[in-house]
Amino acid sequence: LWAFAPNLIVSFFLTQKKSPKWISKYMILLLA
């Protein structure tokens, strides 16, 4: 739940100048 495997893929999206809109909702999921 804290070491969430999909974070590996998301880490590359977060290096982009403009991240996809779904990333903010993904953060809510991680907080949950």
PDB file of all heavy atoms in Angstrom:
ATOM      1  N   LEU A   1       0.815  -1.219   0.000  1.00  0.00           N
ATOM      2  CA  LEU A   1       0.000   0.000   0.000  1.00  0.00           C
ATOM      3  C   LEU A   1       0.848   1.269   0.000  1.00  0.00           C
ATOM      4  O   LEU A   1       0.405   2.316  -0.472  1.00  0.00           O
ATOM      5  CB  LEU A   1      -0.944  -0.006   1.208  1.00  0.00           C
ATOM      6  CG  LEU A   1      -2.061  -1.051   1.159  1.00  0.00           C
ATOM      7  CD1 LEU A   1      -2.780  -1.140   2.492  1.00  0.00           C
ATOM      8  CD2 LEU A   1      -3.045  -0.725   0.043  1.00  0.00           C
ATOM      9  N   TRP A   2       2.064   1.184   0.546  1.00  0.00           N
ATOM     10  CA  TRP A   2       2.968   2.346   0.423  1.00  0.00           C
ATOM     11  C   TRP A   2       4.003   2.117  -0.669  1.00  0.00           C
ATOM     12  O   TRP A   2       4.408   3.064  -1.348  1.00  0.00           O
ATOM     13  CB  TRP A   2       3.666   2.666   1.753  1.00  0.00           C
ATOM     14  CG  TRP A   2       4.676   1.655   2.218  1.00  0.00           C
ATOM     15  CD1 TRP A   2       4.472   0.622   3.068  1.00  0.00           C
ATOM     16  CD2 TRP A   2       6.065   1.591   1.842  1.00  0.00           C
ATOM     17  NE1 TRP A   2       5.634  -0.103   3.251  1.00  0.00           N
ATOM     18  CE2 TRP A   2       6.629   0.480   2.523  1.00  0.00           C
ATOM     19  CE3 TRP A   2       6.891   2.368   1.013  1.00  0.00           C
ATOM     20  CZ2 TRP A   2       7.966   0.116   2.381  1.00  0.00           C
ATOM     21  CZ3 TRP A   2       8.229   2.010   0.871  1.00  0.00           C
ATOM     22  CH2 TRP A   2       8.748   0.896   1.560  1.00  0.00           C
ATOM     23  N   ALA A   3       4.434   0.870  -0.823  1.00  0.00           N
ATOM     24  CA  ALA A   3       5.363   0.527  -1.902  1.00  0.00           C
ATOM     25  C   ALA A   3       4.510   0.011  -3.062  1.00  0.00           C
ATOM     26  O   ALA A   3       4.428  -1.198  -3.304  1.00  0.00           O
ATOM     27  CB  ALA A   3       6.364  -0.514  -1.433  1.00  0.00           C
ATOM     28  N   PHE A   4       3.868   0.920  -3.763  1.00  0.00           N
ATOM     29  CA  PHE A   4       2.893   0.570  -4.798  1.00  0.00           C
ATOM     30  C   PHE A   4       3.621   0.410  -6.128  1.00  0.00           C
ATOM     31  O   PHE A   4       4.235   1.357  -6.643  1.00  0.00           O
ATOM     32  CB  PHE A   4       1.827   1.660  -4.875  1.00  0.00           C
ATOM     33  CG  PHE A   4       0.579   1.252  -5.606  1.00  0.00           C
ATOM     34  CD1 PHE A   4      -0.044   0.036  -5.352  1.00  0.00           C
ATOM     35  CD2 PHE A   4       0.019   2.096  -6.554  1.00  0.00           C
ATOM     36  CE1 PHE A   4      -1.202  -0.334  -6.025  1.00  0.00           C
ATOM     37  CE2 PHE A   4      -1.148   1.740  -7.221  1.00  0.00           C
ATOM     38  CZ  PHE A   4      -1.749   0.521  -6.952  1.00  0.00           C
ATOM     39  N   ALA A   5       3.577  -0.802  -6.676  1.00  0.00           N
ATOM     40  CA  ALA A   5       4.365  -1.129  -7.864  1.00  0.00           C
ATOM     41  C   ALA A   5       4.149  -0.167  -9.045  1.00  0.00           C
ATOM     42  O   ALA A   5       5.127   0.207  -9.712  1.00  0.00           O
ATOM     43  CB  ALA A   5       4.077  -2.573  -8.282  1.00  0.00           C
ATOM     44  N   PRO A   6       2.910   0.281  -9.346  1.00  0.00           N
ATOM     45  CA  PRO A   6       2.724   1.221 -10.471  1.00  0.00           C
ATOM     46  C   PRO A   6       3.478   2.541 -10.319  1.00  0.00           C
ATOM     47  O   PRO A   6       3.650   3.271 -11.308  1.00  0.00           O
ATOM     48  CB  PRO A   6       1.208   1.453 -10.475  1.00  0.00           C
ATOM     49  CG  PRO A   6       0.635   0.214  -9.890  1.00  0.00           C
ATOM     50  CD  PRO A   6       1.612  -0.184  -8.823  1.00  0.00           C
ATOM     51  N   ASN A   7       3.934   2.855  -9.093  1.00  0.00           N
ATOM     52  CA  ASN A   7       4.728   4.075  -8.903  1.00  0.00           C
ATOM     53  C   ASN A   7       5.973   4.084  -9.785  1.00  0.00           C
ATOM     54  O   ASN A   7       6.488   5.148 -10.145  1.00  0.00           O
ATOM     55  CB  ASN A   7       5.158   4.215  -7.441  1.00  0.00           C
ATOM     56  CG  ASN A   7       4.034   4.693  -6.544  1.00  0.00           C
ATOM     57  OD1 ASN A   7       2.926   4.936  -6.992  1.00  0.00           O
ATOM     58  ND2 ASN A   7       4.322   4.823  -5.269  1.00  0.00           N
ATOM     59  N   LEU A   8       6.458   2.886 -10.115  1.00  0.00           N
ATOM     60  CA  LEU A   8       7.638   2.774 -10.964  1.00  0.00           C
ATOM     61  C   LEU A   8       7.386   3.437 -12.319  1.00  0.00           C
ATOM     62  O   LEU A   8       8.241   4.163 -12.845  1.00  0.00           O
ATOM     63  CB  LEU A   8       7.998   1.301 -11.150  1.00  0.00           C
ATOM     64  CG  LEU A   8       9.244   0.984 -11.979  1.00  0.00           C
ATOM     65  CD1 LEU A   8      10.483   1.573 -11.332  1.00  0.00           C
ATOM     66  CD2 LEU A   8       9.397  -0.527 -12.136  1.00  0.00           C
ATOM     67  N   ILE A   9       6.206   3.212 -12.882  1.00  0.00           N
ATOM     68  CA  ILE A   9       5.845   3.805 -14.178  1.00  0.00           C
ATOM     69  C   ILE A   9       5.526   5.287 -14.003  1.00  0.00           C
ATOM     70  O   ILE A   9       5.961   6.132 -14.795  1.00  0.00           O
ATOM     71  CB  ILE A   9       4.642   3.061 -14.787  1.00  0.00           C
ATOM     72  CG1 ILE A   9       5.011   1.587 -15.036  1.00  0.00           C
ATOM     73  CG2 ILE A   9       4.182   3.735 -16.074  1.00  0.00           C
ATOM     74  CD1 ILE A   9       3.848   0.720 -15.427  1.00  0.00           C
ATOM     75  N   VAL A  10       4.792   5.611 -12.936  1.00  0.00           N
ATOM     76  CA  VAL A  10       4.384   6.994 -12.689  1.00  0.00           C
ATOM     77  C   VAL A  10       5.595   7.899 -12.490  1.00  0.00           C
ATOM     78  O   VAL A  10       5.559   9.092 -12.836  1.00  0.00           O
ATOM     79  CB  VAL A  10       3.438   7.065 -11.458  1.00  0.00           C
ATOM     80  CG1 VAL A  10       3.137   8.504 -11.067  1.00  0.00           C
ATOM     81  CG2 VAL A  10       2.137   6.323 -11.756  1.00  0.00           C
ATOM     82  N   SER A  11       6.683   7.338 -11.954  1.00  0.00           N
ATOM     83  CA  SER A  11       7.879   8.157 -11.707  1.00  0.00           C
ATOM     84  C   SER A  11       8.368   8.842 -12.990  1.00  0.00           C
ATOM     85  O   SER A  11       8.858   9.980 -12.943  1.00  0.00           O
ATOM     86  CB  SER A  11       8.996   7.296 -11.113  1.00  0.00           C
ATOM     87  OG  SER A  11       9.444   6.320 -12.041  1.00  0.00           O
ATOM     88  N   PHE A  12       8.205   8.187 -14.143  1.00  0.00           N
ATOM     89  CA  PHE A  12       8.661   8.779 -15.403  1.00  0.00           C
ATOM     90  C   PHE A  12       7.688   9.846 -15.893  1.00  0.00           C
ATOM     91  O   PHE A  12       8.108  10.840 -16.489  1.00  0.00           O
ATOM     92  CB  PHE A  12       8.847   7.674 -16.453  1.00  0.00           C
ATOM     93  CG  PHE A  12       9.971   6.727 -16.116  1.00  0.00           C
ATOM     94  CD1 PHE A  12       9.734   5.521 -15.465  1.00  0.00           C
ATOM     95  CD2 PHE A  12      11.285   7.063 -16.436  1.00  0.00           C
ATOM     96  CE1 PHE A  12      10.774   4.657 -15.154  1.00  0.00           C
ATOM     97  CE2 PHE A  12      12.333   6.198 -16.119  1.00  0.00           C
ATOM     98  CZ  PHE A  12      12.080   4.993 -15.478  1.00  0.00           C
ATOM     99  N   PHE A  13       6.397   9.674 -15.625  1.00  0.00           N
ATOM    100  CA  PHE A  13       5.420  10.706 -15.974  1.00  0.00           C
ATOM    101  C   PHE A  13       5.692  11.993 -15.184  1.00  0.00           C
ATOM    102  O   PHE A  13       5.475  13.096 -15.686  1.00  0.00           O
ATOM    103  CB  PHE A  13       3.996  10.229 -15.682  1.00  0.00           C
ATOM    104  CG  PHE A  13       3.453   9.278 -16.707  1.00  0.00           C
ATOM    105  CD1 PHE A  13       3.332   7.929 -16.433  1.00  0.00           C
ATOM    106  CD2 PHE A  13       3.051   9.721 -17.966  1.00  0.00           C
ATOM    107  CE1 PHE A  13       2.840   7.036 -17.365  1.00  0.00           C
ATOM    108  CE2 PHE A  13       2.544   8.848 -18.915  1.00  0.00           C
ATOM    109  CZ  PHE A  13       2.439   7.495 -18.614  1.00  0.00           C
ATOM    110  N   LEU A  14       6.178  11.848 -13.961  1.00  0.00           N
ATOM    111  CA  LEU A  14       6.404  13.008 -13.101  1.00  0.00           C
ATOM    112  C   LEU A  14       7.643  13.801 -13.493  1.00  0.00           C
ATOM    113  O   LEU A  14       7.880  14.891 -12.958  1.00  0.00           O
ATOM    114  CB  LEU A  14       6.516  12.561 -11.639  1.00  0.00           C
ATOM    115  CG  LEU A  14       5.209  12.071 -11.003  1.00  0.00           C
ATOM    116  CD1 LEU A  14       5.457  11.457  -9.633  1.00  0.00           C
ATOM    117  CD2 LEU A  14       4.213  13.223 -10.891  1.00  0.00           C
ATOM    118  N   THR A  15       8.439  13.272 -14.414  1.00  0.00           N
ATOM    119  CA  THR A  15       9.603  14.030 -14.892  1.00  0.00           C
ATOM    120  C   THR A  15       9.231  14.945 -16.058  1.00  0.00           C
ATOM    121  O   THR A  15      10.027  15.798 -16.450  1.00  0.00           O
ATOM    122  CB  THR A  15      10.724  13.080 -15.345  1.00  0.00           C
ATOM    123  OG1 THR A  15      10.251  12.255 -16.417  1.00  0.00           O
ATOM    124  CG2 THR A  15      11.191  12.208 -14.186  1.00  0.00           C
ATOM    125  N   GLN A  16       8.024  14.754 -16.604  1.00  0.00           N
ATOM    126  CA  GLN A  16       7.597  15.564 -17.749  1.00  0.00           C
ATOM    127  C   GLN A  16       7.272  16.992 -17.320  1.00  0.00           C
ATOM    128  O   GLN A  16       6.918  17.251 -16.168  1.00  0.00           O
ATOM    129  CB  GLN A  16       6.367  14.930 -18.410  1.00  0.00           C
ATOM    130  CG  GLN A  16       6.630  13.540 -18.986  1.00  0.00           C
ATOM    131  CD  GLN A  16       5.363  12.886 -19.520  1.00  0.00           C
ATOM    132  OE1 GLN A  16       4.279  13.477 -19.467  1.00  0.00           O
ATOM    133  NE2 GLN A  16       5.492  11.668 -20.030  1.00  0.00           N
ATOM    134  N   LYS A  17       7.388  17.888 -18.286  1.00  0.00           N
ATOM    135  CA  LYS A  17       7.101  19.305 -17.992  1.00  0.00           C
ATOM    136  C   LYS A  17       5.651  19.483 -17.587  1.00  0.00           C
ATOM    137  O   LYS A  17       5.329  20.213 -16.644  1.00  0.00           O
ATOM    138  CB  LYS A  17       7.412  20.149 -19.225  1.00  0.00           C
ATOM    139  CG  LYS A  17       7.328  21.639 -18.965  1.00  0.00           C
ATOM    140  CD  LYS A  17       7.812  22.422 -20.165  1.00  0.00           C
ATOM    141  CE  LYS A  17       7.765  23.922 -19.854  1.00  0.00           C
ATOM    142  NZ  LYS A  17       8.254  24.730 -21.011  1.00  0.00           N
ATOM    143  N   LYS A  18       4.749  18.768 -18.265  1.00  0.00           N
ATOM    144  CA  LYS A  18       3.323  18.821 -17.909  1.00  0.00           C
ATOM    145  C   LYS A  18       2.818  17.395 -17.733  1.00  0.00           C
ATOM    146  O   LYS A  18       2.759  16.630 -18.686  1.00  0.00           O
ATOM    147  CB  LYS A  18       2.524  19.548 -18.992  1.00  0.00           C
ATOM    148  CG  LYS A  18       1.075  19.815 -18.612  1.00  0.00           C
ATOM    149  CD  LYS A  18       0.396  20.676 -19.647  1.00  0.00           C
ATOM    150  CE  LYS A  18      -1.061  20.960 -19.298  1.00  0.00           C
ATOM    151  NZ  LYS A  18      -1.219  21.657 -18.026  1.00  0.00           N
ATOM    152  N   SER A  19       2.469  17.057 -16.510  1.00  0.00           N
ATOM    153  CA  SER A  19       2.025  15.693 -16.211  1.00  0.00           C
ATOM    154  C   SER A  19       0.578  15.491 -16.631  1.00  0.00           C
ATOM    155  O   SER A  19      -0.208  16.446 -16.683  1.00  0.00           O
ATOM    156  CB  SER A  19       2.151  15.431 -14.707  1.00  0.00           C
ATOM    157  OG  SER A  19       3.488  15.593 -14.290  1.00  0.00           O
ATOM    158  N   PRO A  20       0.206  14.230 -16.951  1.00  0.00           N
ATOM    159  CA  PRO A  20      -1.194  13.946 -17.318  1.00  0.00           C
ATOM    160  C   PRO A  20      -2.168  14.354 -16.198  1.00  0.00           C
ATOM    161  O   PRO A  20      -1.812  14.347 -15.019  1.00  0.00           O
ATOM    162  CB  PRO A  20      -1.185  12.426 -17.501  1.00  0.00           C
ATOM    163  CG  PRO A  20       0.232  12.071 -17.762  1.00  0.00           C
ATOM    164  CD  PRO A  20       1.049  13.040 -17.001  1.00  0.00           C
ATOM    165  N   LYS A  21      -3.408  14.695 -16.572  1.00  0.00           N
ATOM    166  CA  LYS A  21      -4.385  15.161 -15.586  1.00  0.00           C
ATOM    167  C   LYS A  21      -4.758  14.094 -14.559  1.00  0.00           C
ATOM    168  O   LYS A  21      -5.092  14.408 -13.423  1.00  0.00           O
ATOM    169  CB  LYS A  21      -5.643  15.640 -16.316  1.00  0.00           C
ATOM    170  CG  LYS A  21      -5.415  16.901 -17.141  1.00  0.00           C
ATOM    171  CD  LYS A  21      -6.717  17.351 -17.815  1.00  0.00           C
ATOM    172  CE  LYS A  21      -6.481  18.632 -18.605  1.00  0.00           C
ATOM    173  NZ  LYS A  21      -7.726  19.107 -19.285  1.00  0.00           N
ATOM    174  N   TRP A  22      -4.697  12.834 -14.958  1.00  0.00           N
ATOM    175  CA  TRP A  22      -5.094  11.753 -14.042  1.00  0.00           C
ATOM    176  C   TRP A  22      -4.130  11.577 -12.869  1.00  0.00           C
ATOM    177  O   TRP A  22      -4.458  10.920 -11.883  1.00  0.00           O
ATOM    178  CB  TRP A  22      -5.236  10.420 -14.795  1.00  0.00           C
ATOM    179  CG  TRP A  22      -4.019   9.977 -15.543  1.00  0.00           C
ATOM    180  CD1 TRP A  22      -3.748  10.172 -16.870  1.00  0.00           C
ATOM    181  CD2 TRP A  22      -2.875   9.254 -15.029  1.00  0.00           C
ATOM    182  NE1 TRP A  22      -2.541   9.618 -17.218  1.00  0.00           N
ATOM    183  CE2 TRP A  22      -1.990   9.041 -16.106  1.00  0.00           C
ATOM    184  CE3 TRP A  22      -2.547   8.755 -13.779  1.00  0.00           C
ATOM    185  CZ2 TRP A  22      -0.777   8.370 -15.963  1.00  0.00           C
ATOM    186  CZ3 TRP A  22      -1.341   8.074 -13.625  1.00  0.00           C
ATOM    187  CH2 TRP A  22      -0.477   7.892 -14.687  1.00  0.00           C
ATOM    188  N   ILE A  23      -2.939  12.186 -12.954  1.00  0.00           N
ATOM    189  CA  ILE A  23      -1.948  12.033 -11.893  1.00  0.00           C
ATOM    190  C   ILE A  23      -2.469  12.579 -10.556  1.00  0.00           C
ATOM    191  O   ILE A  23      -2.224  11.989  -9.500  1.00  0.00           O
ATOM    192  CB  ILE A  23      -0.622  12.734 -12.272  1.00  0.00           C
ATOM    193  CG1 ILE A  23       0.061  12.023 -13.443  1.00  0.00           C
ATOM    194  CG2 ILE A  23       0.323  12.801 -11.070  1.00  0.00           C
ATOM    195  CD1 ILE A  23       0.717  10.713 -13.078  1.00  0.00           C
ATOM    196  N   SER A  24      -3.197  13.688 -10.586  1.00  0.00           N
ATOM    197  CA  SER A  24      -3.698  14.272  -9.329  1.00  0.00           C
ATOM    198  C   SER A  24      -4.688  13.316  -8.650  1.00  0.00           C
ATOM    199  O   SER A  24      -4.707  13.199  -7.420  1.00  0.00           O
ATOM    200  CB  SER A  24      -4.350  15.630  -9.590  1.00  0.00           C
ATOM    201  OG  SER A  24      -5.484  15.509 -10.447  1.00  0.00           O
ATOM    202  N   LYS A  25      -5.499  12.633  -9.450  1.00  0.00           N
ATOM    203  CA  LYS A  25      -6.429  11.652  -8.874  1.00  0.00           C
ATOM    204  C   LYS A  25      -5.672  10.431  -8.348  1.00  0.00           C
ATOM    205  O   LYS A  25      -6.068   9.816  -7.357  1.00  0.00           O
ATOM    206  CB  LYS A  25      -7.456  11.227  -9.929  1.00  0.00           C
ATOM    207  CG  LYS A  25      -8.397  12.350 -10.345  1.00  0.00           C
ATOM    208  CD  LYS A  25      -9.402  11.882 -11.384  1.00  0.00           C
ATOM    209  CE  LYS A  25     -10.324  13.033 -11.778  1.00  0.00           C
ATOM    210  NZ  LYS A  25     -11.286  12.629 -12.843  1.00  0.00           N
ATOM    211  N   TYR A  26      -4.581  10.110  -9.011  1.00  0.00           N
ATOM    212  CA  TYR A  26      -3.720   9.009  -8.560  1.00  0.00           C
ATOM    213  C   TYR A  26      -3.160   9.314  -7.172  1.00  0.00           C
ATOM    214  O   TYR A  26      -3.033   8.424  -6.328  1.00  0.00           O
ATOM    215  CB  TYR A  26      -2.602   8.813  -9.580  1.00  0.00           C
ATOM    216  CG  TYR A  26      -1.670   7.656  -9.292  1.00  0.00           C
ATOM    217  CD1 TYR A  26      -2.036   6.349  -9.573  1.00  0.00           C
ATOM    218  CD2 TYR A  26      -0.406   7.891  -8.748  1.00  0.00           C
ATOM    219  CE1 TYR A  26      -1.168   5.292  -9.324  1.00  0.00           C
ATOM    220  CE2 TYR A  26       0.470   6.834  -8.491  1.00  0.00           C
ATOM    221  CZ  TYR A  26       0.081   5.545  -8.789  1.00  0.00           C
ATOM    222  OH  TYR A  26       0.929   4.506  -8.541  1.00  0.00           O
ATOM    223  N   MET A  27      -2.850  10.589  -6.922  1.00  0.00           N
ATOM    224  CA  MET A  27      -2.332  10.995  -5.609  1.00  0.00           C
ATOM    225  C   MET A  27      -3.392  10.788  -4.522  1.00  0.00           C
ATOM    226  O   MET A  27      -3.065  10.411  -3.389  1.00  0.00           O
ATOM    227  CB  MET A  27      -1.881  12.462  -5.633  1.00  0.00           C
ATOM    228  CG  MET A  27      -0.740  12.733  -6.579  1.00  0.00           C
ATOM    229  SD  MET A  27       0.700  11.692  -6.234  1.00  0.00           S
ATOM    230  CE  MET A  27       1.425  11.583  -7.870  1.00  0.00           C
ATOM    231  N   ILE A  28      -4.634  11.041  -4.854  1.00  0.00           N
ATOM    232  CA  ILE A  28      -5.721  10.808  -3.888  1.00  0.00           C
ATOM    233  C   ILE A  28      -5.801   9.320  -3.542  1.00  0.00           C
ATOM    234  O   ILE A  28      -6.004   8.942  -2.385  1.00  0.00           O
ATOM    235  CB  ILE A  28      -7.070  11.312  -4.455  1.00  0.00           C
ATOM    236  CG1 ILE A  28      -7.024  12.837  -4.642  1.00  0.00           C
ATOM    237  CG2 ILE A  28      -8.233  10.925  -3.542  1.00  0.00           C
ATOM    238  CD1 ILE A  28      -8.252  13.415  -5.322  1.00  0.00           C
ATOM    239  N   LEU A  29      -5.623   8.481  -4.567  1.00  0.00           N
ATOM    240  CA  LEU A  29      -5.631   7.031  -4.347  1.00  0.00           C
ATOM    241  C   LEU A  29      -4.498   6.635  -3.395  1.00  0.00           C
ATOM    242  O   LEU A  29      -4.712   5.844  -2.462  1.00  0.00           O
ATOM    243  CB  LEU A  29      -5.473   6.305  -5.684  1.00  0.00           C
ATOM    244  CG  LEU A  29      -5.330   4.775  -5.606  1.00  0.00           C
ATOM    245  CD1 LEU A  29      -6.621   4.147  -5.094  1.00  0.00           C
ATOM    246  CD2 LEU A  29      -4.949   4.200  -6.971  1.00  0.00           C
ATOM    247  N   LEU A  30      -3.313   7.194  -3.606  1.00  0.00           N
ATOM    248  CA  LEU A  30      -2.168   6.859  -2.755  1.00  0.00           C
ATOM    249  C   LEU A  30      -2.382   7.340  -1.321  1.00  0.00           C
ATOM    250  O   LEU A  30      -1.998   6.660  -0.365  1.00  0.00           O
ATOM    251  CB  LEU A  30      -0.889   7.469  -3.330  1.00  0.00           C
ATOM    252  CG  LEU A  30      -0.410   6.909  -4.677  1.00  0.00           C
ATOM    253  CD1 LEU A  30       0.892   7.584  -5.106  1.00  0.00           C
ATOM    254  CD2 LEU A  30      -0.225   5.401  -4.634  1.00  0.00           C
ATOM    255  N   LEU A  31      -3.006   8.512  -1.162  1.00  0.00           N
ATOM    256  CA  LEU A  31      -3.325   9.008   0.182  1.00  0.00           C
ATOM    257  C   LEU A  31      -4.324   8.081   0.875  1.00  0.00           C
ATOM    258  O   LEU A  31      -4.204   7.809   2.078  1.00  0.00           O
ATOM    259  CB  LEU A  31      -3.882  10.434   0.105  1.00  0.00           C
ATOM    260  CG  LEU A  31      -2.853  11.541  -0.155  1.00  0.00           C
ATOM    261  CD1 LEU A  31      -3.557  12.856  -0.509  1.00  0.00           C
ATOM    262  CD2 LEU A  31      -1.957  11.742   1.067  1.00  0.00           C
ATOM    263  N   ALA A  32      -5.295   7.584   0.109  1.00  0.00           N
ATOM    264  CA  ALA A  32      -6.276   6.644   0.665  1.00  0.00           C
ATOM    265  C   ALA A  32      -5.589   5.351   1.095  1.00  0.00           C
ATOM    266  O   ALA A  32      -5.920   4.782   2.145  1.00  0.00           O
ATOM    267  CB  ALA A  32      -7.361   6.350  -0.372  1.00  0.00           C
TER     268      ALA A  32
END
